[in-house]
């Protein structure tokens, strides 16, 4: 069957419009479709139309979908309602913000206006949007329109990734700007004179306001000067050696130097830092008079009293490592000087197998202080002393430190009888049995009372930590649970031995 003749057929030369086949005037067609395409049936035409785009819709003059074709099963799955599109208007399948674009597509396809590609978002049952780029072309004489659609999911995903990357970069830039602003603020508000030096040439790259006051010139005038122009000849060699040692990776002590201006000695502290892939010197200069502020006289006396007191005193970090200890503690631990104790754990000398120190630190973290904790202290030479510990938690930002006052109570225990706590009623009843029961039964009763009191005391000291209590009593956990069950102590249903 021959194809109908193309309307408005012209055969123009180069640069002119070709033959038009009943479609919008601005869409170019083949010059001689009857000759080049031959006789095509409806199936062939449908295959050509369907192959020309990712999704193709055949829409009537009222905008109602009459047929659909998809080139991608993934797109068909995303548009999970597309099987029910036939018979519905195209506007009913898109998101509300795309309905005006559908009306524009239909209007442009039925008029002489230039057809445009428009971004349409189809709505799915699960609330997602599937982006498709459409262009409408009218065919035939009954107003049918072919909507050619291009799948924009990949482009949309790339745009989303690009936007996410831009937002991430903006956040990073914002953080960098905030950090730089804080650095600049701290740099200028520092009470110390701070210089940024170039290690290669020793020239000043930046200087803060305190440096301006110290050198008696504007901070901008200091920039570009070398260390030879800052320190006098006697101090120059010392400062340069200090900078060389810092550059070599060592950590020498701070140096005392003399400036070109003024007679007051200053303390020079230098460190390395990296900025923009370059290594720079950070030099802090402080007057010697302000380096170490003197303690009040009362505080000095208090420190001397603690240092020379008869009771041992030791300060540890939050993990139990010794920071400082007085002479009395060193004598009790049989150590020669403080350096032998510093950095080592306190449980090397206090308590048995680390249990006592764990109980102490646990109580310090929860209560803040502990008084009259009875334990033992072992010396390096093998001596053992009965001691009583009072401790306090010290907060100074970050992790707390712990201070322990250790008193040797061995002589007191040998010279007098320790005042016991008030006897429970069971012991009082036990004393009343003397003379009425045999000694064997009396000893058995006394043993059970003492055993129960010891278990209760161990549980109280360990905050009901039964594993620690068993270790303090020299029992296995299994044996402790047997005795707890025998005396009805604690809630045995809550915790059973493993």
Protein backbone atom coordinates (compact mmCIF):
# COMPACT_ATOMS: atom_id res chain seq x y z
CA UNK A 1 0.00 0.00 0.00
CA UNK A 2 1.61 3.28 -1.07
CA UNK A 3 2.13 5.98 1.53
CA UNK A 4 0.01 9.11 1.22
CA UNK A 5 1.58 12.10 -0.41
CA UNK A 6 3.37 14.43 2.00
CA UNK A 7 1.56 17.71 2.53
CA UNK A 8 3.27 20.98 1.52
CA UNK A 9 5.91 19.04 -0.40
CA UNK A 10 8.70 21.20 -1.82
CA UNK A 11 12.04 20.39 -3.27
CA UNK A 12 14.21 23.26 -2.26
CA UNK A 13 17.88 23.56 -2.85
CA UNK A 14 20.63 23.47 -0.26
CA UNK A 15 19.90 25.50 2.86
CA UNK A 16 16.12 25.37 2.37
CA UNK A 17 13.48 23.37 4.27
CA UNK A 18 12.78 19.83 3.02
CA UNK A 19 9.48 17.96 2.62
CA UNK A 20 6.97 18.13 5.50
CA UNK A 21 4.68 15.23 6.39
CA UNK A 22 1.71 16.67 8.27
CA UNK A 23 3.87 17.56 11.32
CA UNK A 24 4.96 20.79 12.93
CA UNK A 25 6.50 23.17 10.42
CA UNK A 26 9.82 23.33 12.23
CA UNK A 27 10.46 19.56 12.35
CA UNK A 28 12.47 18.47 9.32
CA UNK A 29 11.51 15.31 7.45
CA UNK A 30 12.88 13.26 4.61
CA UNK A 31 12.90 14.87 1.15
CA UNK A 32 11.37 11.81 -0.57
CA UNK A 33 9.95 9.46 2.01
CA UNK A 34 7.91 7.44 -0.53
CA UNK A 35 11.08 6.55 -2.38
CA UNK A 36 13.49 6.14 0.55
CA UNK A 37 11.18 4.35 2.98
CA UNK A 38 8.99 2.45 0.58
CA UNK A 39 5.70 0.89 1.65
CA UNK A 40 5.71 0.59 5.47
CA UNK A 41 2.90 -1.09 7.33
CA UNK A 42 1.65 -0.05 10.79
CA UNK A 43 3.89 -2.55 12.63
CA UNK A 44 7.00 -1.22 10.94
CA UNK A 45 6.06 2.36 11.67
CA UNK A 46 5.34 1.42 15.32
CA UNK A 47 8.74 -0.27 15.60
CA UNK A 48 10.47 2.81 14.21
CA UNK A 49 8.63 5.15 16.57
CA UNK A 50 9.24 2.93 19.60
CA UNK A 51 12.97 2.58 18.79
CA UNK A 52 13.43 6.35 18.51
CA UNK A 53 13.07 7.02 22.26
CA UNK A 54 13.25 5.41 25.71
CA UNK A 55 9.50 5.75 26.27
CA UNK A 56 6.87 6.53 23.64
CA UNK A 57 3.26 7.51 24.29
CA UNK A 58 0.48 7.73 21.72
CA UNK A 59 -1.92 10.45 22.92
CA UNK A 60 -5.22 11.53 21.35
CA UNK A 61 -6.38 15.10 20.89
CA UNK A 62 -7.85 15.16 24.42
CA UNK A 63 -4.53 14.20 25.96
CA UNK A 64 -5.62 10.67 26.78
CA UNK A 65 -3.04 7.89 26.41
CA UNK A 66 -3.94 5.28 23.80
CA UNK A 67 -0.76 3.18 23.71
CA UNK A 68 2.73 2.97 25.27
CA UNK A 69 6.14 1.54 24.37
CA UNK A 70 9.27 1.20 26.56
CA UNK A 71 12.83 0.41 25.50
CA UNK A 72 14.08 -0.34 29.06
CA UNK A 73 12.71 -2.90 31.51
CA UNK A 74 14.29 -0.88 34.36
CA UNK A 75 12.32 2.20 33.32
CA UNK A 76 9.18 0.08 33.01
CA UNK A 77 9.75 -1.26 36.54
CA UNK A 78 10.29 2.24 37.94
CA UNK A 79 7.07 3.41 36.30
CA UNK A 80 5.19 0.58 38.00
CA UNK A 81 1.78 2.07 37.15
CA UNK A 82 2.47 2.39 33.43
CA UNK A 83 0.54 -0.80 32.71
CA UNK A 84 -2.61 1.10 33.69
CA UNK A 85 -1.82 4.31 31.80
CA UNK A 86 -3.83 3.39 28.71
CA UNK A 87 -7.16 5.22 28.92
CA UNK A 88 -5.89 7.79 31.45
CA UNK A 89 -4.89 11.34 30.63
CA UNK A 90 -1.18 12.02 30.48
CA UNK A 91 -1.61 14.78 33.09
CA UNK A 92 -2.91 12.19 35.59
CA UNK A 93 0.37 10.21 35.42
CA UNK A 94 2.71 13.08 36.28
CA UNK A 95 3.52 15.05 39.42
CA UNK A 96 1.40 18.14 40.13
CA UNK A 97 4.24 20.52 39.22
CA UNK A 98 4.53 18.90 35.76
CA UNK A 99 0.88 19.15 34.67
CA UNK A 100 1.29 22.63 33.19
CA UNK A 101 4.22 21.30 31.13
CA UNK A 102 2.00 18.49 29.76
CA UNK A 103 -0.58 21.08 28.66
CA UNK A 104 2.19 23.06 26.94
CA UNK A 105 3.41 19.89 25.14
CA UNK A 106 -0.09 19.14 23.81
CA UNK A 107 -0.64 22.74 22.74
CA UNK A 108 2.68 22.98 20.92
CA UNK A 109 2.10 19.66 19.13
CA UNK A 110 -1.28 20.78 17.74
CA UNK A 111 -0.25 24.29 16.69
CA UNK A 112 2.40 25.71 14.46
CA UNK A 113 4.55 26.61 17.49
CA UNK A 114 8.07 25.21 17.65
CA UNK A 115 8.02 21.97 19.70
CA UNK A 116 10.23 22.01 22.80
CA UNK A 117 11.67 19.29 24.97
CA UNK A 118 10.19 19.54 28.44
CA UNK A 119 11.25 17.89 31.70
CA UNK A 120 8.32 15.87 33.09
CA UNK A 121 8.30 14.02 36.44
CA UNK A 122 6.11 10.91 36.54
CA UNK A 123 4.73 9.99 39.98
CA UNK A 124 4.97 6.41 41.24
CA UNK A 125 2.85 4.58 43.81
CA UNK A 126 5.67 4.66 46.40
CA UNK A 127 6.02 8.44 46.20
CA UNK A 128 9.11 8.65 43.96
CA UNK A 129 9.51 10.80 40.85
CA UNK A 130 10.87 9.43 37.57
CA UNK A 131 12.25 12.22 35.32
CA UNK A 132 11.60 11.96 31.55
CA UNK A 133 12.32 14.54 28.80
CA UNK A 134 9.37 14.71 26.35
CA UNK A 135 8.73 16.24 22.95
CA UNK A 136 5.32 15.93 21.21
CA UNK A 137 4.71 15.53 17.45
CA UNK A 138 1.23 15.36 15.88
CA UNK A 139 0.65 12.71 13.18
CA UNK A 140 -2.32 11.86 10.97
CA UNK A 141 -5.48 13.87 10.57
CA UNK A 142 -7.35 12.75 13.69
CA UNK A 143 -5.18 14.73 16.14
CA UNK A 144 -3.07 11.86 17.45
CA UNK A 145 0.21 12.91 19.07
CA UNK A 146 3.40 10.90 19.55
CA UNK A 147 5.23 11.78 22.79
CA UNK A 148 8.91 10.91 22.47
CA UNK A 149 10.56 10.54 25.91
CA UNK A 150 14.19 10.34 26.97
CA UNK A 151 15.10 8.70 30.28
CA UNK A 152 16.74 11.28 32.59
CA UNK A 153 17.36 9.06 35.61
CA UNK A 154 21.11 8.79 34.99
CA UNK A 155 21.42 12.53 34.40
CA UNK A 156 19.30 13.24 37.47
CA UNK A 157 21.50 10.95 39.59
CA UNK A 158 24.63 12.70 38.29
CA UNK A 159 23.11 16.10 39.03
CA UNK A 160 22.23 14.94 42.55
CA UNK A 161 25.77 13.66 43.10
CA UNK A 162 27.17 16.94 41.80
CA UNK A 163 24.89 18.91 44.11
CA UNK A 164 25.85 16.72 47.09
CA UNK A 165 29.54 17.18 46.25
CA UNK A 166 29.08 20.95 46.01
CA UNK A 167 27.26 21.05 49.34
CA UNK A 168 29.99 18.91 50.93
CA UNK A 169 32.66 21.26 49.55
CA UNK A 170 30.74 24.25 50.86
CA UNK A 171 30.57 22.67 54.31
CA UNK A 172 34.30 21.93 54.21
CA UNK A 173 35.08 25.48 53.08
CA UNK A 174 32.85 26.82 55.84
CA UNK A 175 34.70 24.74 58.44
CA UNK A 176 38.04 25.92 57.07
CA UNK A 177 36.89 29.54 57.20
CA UNK A 178 35.73 29.07 60.80
CA UNK A 179 39.03 27.45 61.76
CA UNK A 180 41.00 30.23 60.10
CA UNK A 181 38.86 32.86 61.80
CA UNK A 182 39.44 31.25 65.22
CA UNK A 183 43.17 30.95 64.46
CA UNK A 184 43.37 34.62 63.52
CA UNK A 185 41.44 35.65 66.61
CA UNK A 186 43.65 33.58 68.95
CA UNK A 187 46.75 34.74 67.11
CA UNK A 188 45.94 38.41 67.63
CA UNK A 189 44.58 38.08 71.21
CA UNK A 190 47.55 36.09 72.51
CA UNK A 191 49.40 37.87 75.31
CA UNK A 192 52.68 36.40 74.03
CA UNK A 193 54.53 37.82 71.07
CA UNK A 194 54.02 35.25 68.30
CA UNK A 195 56.00 35.15 65.05
CA UNK A 196 55.56 32.86 62.03
CA UNK A 197 58.99 32.24 60.46
CA UNK A 198 60.14 30.79 57.17
CA UNK A 199 62.61 28.01 58.13
CA UNK A 200 64.62 28.36 54.94
CA UNK A 201 65.47 32.06 55.23
CA UNK A 202 64.53 32.77 58.84
CA UNK A 203 62.30 35.67 57.79
CA UNK A 204 59.14 36.74 59.64
CA UNK A 205 55.99 35.96 57.67
CA UNK A 206 53.43 37.07 60.24
CA UNK A 207 53.42 38.81 63.63
CA UNK A 208 50.65 39.46 66.14
CA UNK A 209 49.73 42.57 68.14
CA UNK A 210 51.75 41.51 71.19
CA UNK A 211 54.88 41.43 69.02
CA UNK A 212 54.14 45.00 68.00
CA UNK A 213 54.13 46.06 71.66
CA UNK A 214 57.30 44.12 72.47
CA UNK A 215 59.32 45.37 69.48
CA UNK A 216 57.93 48.91 69.53
CA UNK A 217 56.91 48.89 65.87
CA UNK A 218 53.88 48.00 63.78
CA UNK A 219 53.27 44.32 63.08
CA UNK A 220 53.48 44.97 59.31
CA UNK A 221 56.95 46.49 59.79
CA UNK A 222 58.17 43.31 61.50
CA UNK A 223 57.18 41.15 58.52
CA UNK A 224 60.22 40.48 56.32
CA UNK A 225 62.78 40.93 59.09
CA UNK A 226 65.18 38.10 59.90
CA UNK A 227 66.01 36.69 63.32
CA UNK A 228 69.35 38.54 63.10
CA UNK A 229 67.38 41.81 63.18
CA UNK A 230 65.30 40.68 66.20
CA UNK A 231 67.92 39.29 68.62
CA UNK A 232 71.25 40.83 69.58
CA UNK A 233 74.59 39.38 68.54
CA UNK A 234 75.14 37.45 71.78
CA UNK A 235 71.78 35.66 71.51
CA UNK A 236 71.73 35.18 67.74
CA UNK A 237 73.95 32.09 67.67
CA UNK A 238 71.98 30.49 70.51
CA UNK A 239 68.62 31.10 68.76
CA UNK A 240 69.89 29.81 65.41
CA UNK A 241 71.21 26.63 67.06
CA UNK A 242 67.82 26.19 68.72
CA UNK A 243 66.03 26.55 65.36
CA UNK A 244 68.41 24.07 63.74
CA UNK A 245 67.73 21.51 66.50
CA UNK A 246 63.97 21.94 66.06
CA UNK A 247 64.31 21.49 62.29
CA UNK A 248 66.33 18.30 62.86
CA UNK A 249 63.45 16.77 64.81
CA UNK A 250 64.75 17.07 68.37
CA UNK A 251 62.89 18.80 71.22
CA UNK A 252 65.43 20.98 73.03
CA UNK A 253 64.65 23.07 76.08
CA UNK A 254 63.41 26.63 75.60
CA UNK A 255 66.18 29.19 75.37
CA UNK A 256 66.73 32.54 77.06
CA UNK A 257 67.71 35.35 74.69
CA UNK A 258 68.11 39.13 74.47
CA UNK A 259 66.24 41.33 71.97
CA UNK A 260 67.82 44.09 69.93
CA UNK A 261 65.48 46.49 71.67
CA UNK A 262 65.39 46.59 75.48
CA UNK A 263 67.48 44.98 78.18
CA UNK A 264 64.96 42.53 79.64
CA UNK A 265 65.73 38.86 78.84
CA UNK A 266 63.02 36.85 77.08
CA UNK A 267 62.18 33.17 76.83
CA UNK A 268 62.01 31.83 73.27
CA UNK A 269 59.78 28.78 72.56
CA UNK A 270 59.75 27.35 69.04
CA UNK A 271 57.69 24.59 67.41
CA UNK A 272 57.11 23.35 63.87
CA UNK A 273 53.76 23.23 62.09
CA UNK A 274 52.56 22.60 58.53
CA UNK A 275 50.46 24.95 56.44
CA UNK A 276 49.69 24.70 52.70
CA UNK A 277 52.18 21.81 52.28
CA UNK A 278 54.95 23.92 53.81
CA UNK A 279 56.71 23.60 57.18
CA UNK A 280 56.91 26.80 59.24
CA UNK A 281 58.30 27.89 62.60
CA UNK A 282 55.95 29.13 65.33
CA UNK A 283 58.06 31.28 67.68
CA UNK A 284 56.64 32.53 71.00
CA UNK A 285 58.55 35.19 72.89
CA UNK A 286 57.73 35.98 76.54
CA UNK A 287 59.46 38.22 79.10
CA UNK A 288 61.26 36.09 81.68
CA UNK A 289 59.40 37.87 84.49
CA UNK A 290 56.04 36.57 83.24
CA UNK A 291 57.06 33.01 82.41
CA UNK A 292 56.52 31.40 85.82
CA UNK A 293 54.03 33.26 88.02
CA UNK A 294 54.90 32.91 91.70
CA UNK A 295 52.51 30.95 93.92
CA UNK A 296 50.90 32.72 96.88
CA UNK A 297 52.87 32.26 100.08
CA UNK A 298 50.04 30.30 101.74
CA UNK A 299 49.86 27.81 98.85
CA UNK A 300 53.63 27.39 98.94
CA UNK A 301 53.49 26.51 102.63
CA UNK A 302 50.69 24.02 101.97
CA UNK A 303 52.72 22.27 99.27
CA UNK A 304 55.75 22.09 101.56
CA UNK A 305 53.62 20.62 104.36
CA UNK A 306 52.30 17.89 102.02
CA UNK A 307 55.77 17.19 100.69
CA UNK A 308 57.35 16.80 104.13
CA UNK A 309 54.35 15.35 106.01
CA UNK A 310 54.54 12.02 107.91
CA UNK A 311 51.74 10.45 105.87
CA UNK A 312 52.31 9.30 102.34
CA UNK A 313 50.69 11.40 99.59
CA UNK A 314 50.55 10.52 95.92
CA UNK A 315 48.75 11.94 92.86
CA UNK A 316 47.79 9.66 89.93
CA UNK A 317 46.09 10.13 86.58
CA UNK A 318 42.67 8.59 85.77
CA UNK A 319 44.34 5.23 84.94
CA UNK A 320 46.26 4.98 88.23
CA UNK A 321 49.70 5.99 86.92
CA UNK A 322 51.66 8.06 89.46
CA UNK A 323 52.22 11.73 88.58
CA UNK A 324 53.79 12.94 91.85
CA UNK A 325 54.60 11.46 95.30
CA UNK A 326 55.99 12.87 98.55
CA UNK A 327 58.94 11.60 100.59
CA UNK A 328 56.78 9.65 103.09
CA UNK A 329 55.27 7.57 100.28
CA UNK A 330 58.71 6.87 98.83
CA UNK A 331 59.86 5.63 102.27
CA UNK A 332 56.83 3.36 102.62
CA UNK A 333 57.35 2.01 99.09
CA UNK A 334 61.12 1.70 99.73
CA UNK A 335 62.06 3.79 96.68
CA UNK A 336 65.12 5.99 96.35
CA UNK A 337 63.54 8.96 94.58
CA UNK A 338 60.34 10.10 92.86
CA UNK A 339 61.56 9.18 89.37
CA UNK A 340 61.31 5.48 90.27
CA UNK A 341 57.59 5.88 91.03
CA UNK A 342 56.53 8.36 88.34
CA UNK A 343 54.60 6.73 85.50
CA UNK A 344 54.12 3.40 87.32
CA UNK A 345 50.73 2.17 88.54
CA UNK A 346 49.89 2.66 92.21
CA UNK A 347 48.74 -0.96 92.53
CA UNK A 348 52.42 -2.00 92.38
CA UNK A 349 52.55 -1.12 96.07
CA UNK A 350 48.95 -0.75 97.34
CA UNK A 351 46.50 -3.63 97.90
CA UNK A 352 46.52 -7.16 96.54
CA UNK A 353 46.50 -8.05 92.83
CA UNK A 354 44.97 -4.75 91.75
CA UNK A 355 41.59 -5.36 93.38
CA UNK A 356 41.90 -2.69 96.09
CA UNK A 357 42.92 0.04 93.62
CA UNK A 358 40.02 -0.88 91.31
CA UNK A 359 37.61 -0.57 94.24
CA UNK A 360 39.14 2.77 95.25
CA UNK A 361 39.02 4.32 91.77
CA UNK A 362 35.48 3.04 91.21
CA UNK A 363 34.31 4.76 94.39
CA UNK A 364 36.23 7.93 93.52
CA UNK A 365 34.57 8.16 90.10
CA UNK A 366 31.09 7.67 91.56
CA UNK A 367 31.38 9.53 94.90
CA UNK A 368 34.32 11.91 94.49
CA UNK A 369 36.06 10.94 97.74
CA UNK A 370 36.83 7.91 99.95
CA UNK A 371 37.79 7.83 103.64
CA UNK A 372 39.45 5.24 105.90
CA UNK A 373 39.90 2.54 103.28
CA UNK A 374 41.86 -0.23 105.02
CA UNK A 375 44.39 -2.16 102.94
CA UNK A 376 48.08 -3.08 102.83
CA UNK A 377 51.15 -1.49 101.28
CA UNK A 378 54.10 -3.47 100.00
CA UNK A 379 57.62 -2.13 99.75
CA UNK A 380 60.13 -2.87 97.03
CA UNK A 381 62.28 -4.76 99.57
CA UNK A 382 59.38 -6.97 100.68
CA UNK A 383 58.02 -5.08 103.69
CA UNK A 384 54.25 -5.11 104.27
CA UNK A 385 52.40 -2.47 106.28
CA UNK A 386 48.77 -2.05 107.25
CA UNK A 387 47.60 1.31 105.88
CA UNK A 388 44.49 3.44 105.79
CA UNK A 389 43.78 5.47 102.64
CA UNK A 390 41.70 8.61 102.15
CA UNK A 391 41.38 9.74 98.53
CA UNK A 392 39.77 12.52 96.48
CA UNK A 393 39.02 13.05 92.78
CA UNK A 394 40.49 16.26 91.29
CA UNK A 395 38.83 17.78 88.20
CA UNK A 396 41.03 19.99 86.03
CA UNK A 397 39.44 19.65 82.59
CA UNK A 398 39.40 16.39 80.64
CA UNK A 399 40.07 13.26 82.68
CA UNK A 400 40.20 13.59 86.49
CA UNK A 401 43.28 13.02 88.65
CA UNK A 402 43.22 11.25 92.02
CA UNK A 403 44.99 12.24 95.22
CA UNK A 404 45.70 9.55 97.87
CA UNK A 405 46.66 10.20 101.51
CA UNK A 406 48.19 6.97 102.91
CA UNK A 407 48.62 6.49 106.67
CA UNK A 408 50.53 3.60 108.26
CA UNK A 409 48.21 2.20 110.99
CA UNK A 410 50.28 -0.90 111.81
CA UNK A 411 51.72 0.42 115.12
CA UNK A 412 48.29 1.58 116.23
CA UNK A 413 46.78 -1.85 115.55
CA UNK A 414 49.56 -3.55 117.52
CA UNK A 415 49.25 -1.24 120.55
CA UNK A 416 45.47 -1.18 120.91
CA UNK A 417 42.44 -3.18 120.03
CA UNK A 418 40.57 -1.84 117.07
CA UNK A 419 37.12 -0.59 117.99
CA UNK A 420 34.77 -2.86 116.11
CA UNK A 421 31.39 -1.97 114.78
CA UNK A 422 28.38 -2.75 116.96
CA UNK A 423 27.89 -6.51 117.01
CA UNK A 424 24.82 -7.79 115.25
CA UNK A 425 22.15 -9.53 117.26
CA UNK A 426 23.35 -12.98 116.18
CA UNK A 427 26.74 -12.38 117.93
CA UNK A 428 25.04 -11.11 121.05
CA UNK A 429 22.97 -14.24 121.15
CA UNK A 430 26.15 -16.24 120.60
CA UNK A 431 27.76 -14.83 123.75
CA UNK A 432 24.68 -15.74 125.74
CA UNK A 433 25.18 -19.39 124.75
CA UNK A 434 28.48 -19.64 126.60
CA UNK A 435 28.09 -22.22 129.36
CA UNK A 436 24.92 -23.64 127.88
CA UNK A 437 26.30 -25.35 124.75
CA UNK A 438 29.50 -27.25 124.04
CA UNK A 439 32.64 -25.45 122.89
CA UNK A 440 32.54 -27.32 119.56
CA UNK A 441 29.08 -25.97 118.73
CA UNK A 442 30.05 -22.50 119.99
CA UNK A 443 33.13 -22.39 117.73
CA UNK A 444 31.09 -23.51 114.73
CA UNK A 445 28.51 -20.77 115.36
CA UNK A 446 31.25 -18.15 115.81
CA UNK A 447 32.96 -19.25 112.60
CA UNK A 448 29.75 -18.90 110.61
CA UNK A 449 29.05 -15.44 112.05
CA UNK A 450 32.59 -14.23 111.24
CA UNK A 451 32.39 -15.73 107.75
CA UNK A 452 29.07 -14.01 107.06
CA UNK A 453 30.34 -10.67 108.38
CA UNK A 454 33.48 -10.94 106.23
CA UNK A 455 31.45 -11.65 103.10
CA UNK A 456 29.11 -8.71 103.82
CA UNK A 457 32.08 -6.40 104.42
CA UNK A 458 33.75 -7.49 101.14
CA UNK A 459 30.53 -6.92 99.21
CA UNK A 460 30.15 -3.48 100.79
CA UNK A 461 33.73 -2.48 99.92
CA UNK A 462 33.34 -3.62 96.30
CA UNK A 463 29.89 -2.09 95.79
CA UNK A 464 28.40 -5.59 95.47
CA UNK A 465 30.95 -6.63 92.81
CA UNK A 466 31.00 -10.34 93.56
CA UNK A 467 33.99 -11.19 91.37
CA UNK A 468 36.13 -8.60 93.21
CA UNK A 469 34.73 -9.68 96.59
CA UNK A 470 35.66 -13.31 95.89
CA UNK A 471 39.21 -12.24 94.98
CA UNK A 472 39.52 -10.14 98.17
CA UNK A 473 38.39 -13.09 100.29
CA UNK A 474 40.65 -15.57 98.50
CA UNK A 475 37.67 -17.62 97.30
CA UNK A 476 36.60 -18.84 93.91
CA UNK A 477 33.40 -17.33 92.55
CA UNK A 478 31.71 -20.72 92.83
CA UNK A 479 32.61 -20.99 96.55
CA UNK A 480 31.43 -17.43 97.19
CA UNK A 481 28.04 -18.14 95.60
CA UNK A 482 27.67 -21.29 97.70
CA UNK A 483 28.27 -19.27 100.88
CA UNK A 484 25.94 -16.48 99.72
CA UNK A 485 23.22 -19.05 99.19
CA UNK A 486 23.91 -20.63 102.60
CA UNK A 487 23.59 -17.32 104.46
CA UNK A 488 20.87 -15.82 102.25
CA UNK A 489 22.94 -12.77 101.33
CA UNK A 490 22.06 -10.70 98.23
CA UNK A 491 19.78 -11.38 95.28
CA UNK A 492 21.03 -14.71 93.95
CA UNK A 493 18.33 -14.94 91.31
CA UNK A 494 19.68 -11.86 89.52
CA UNK A 495 23.27 -13.09 89.05
CA UNK A 496 24.38 -16.72 88.87
CA UNK A 497 28.00 -17.92 88.56
CA UNK A 498 29.20 -18.61 85.06
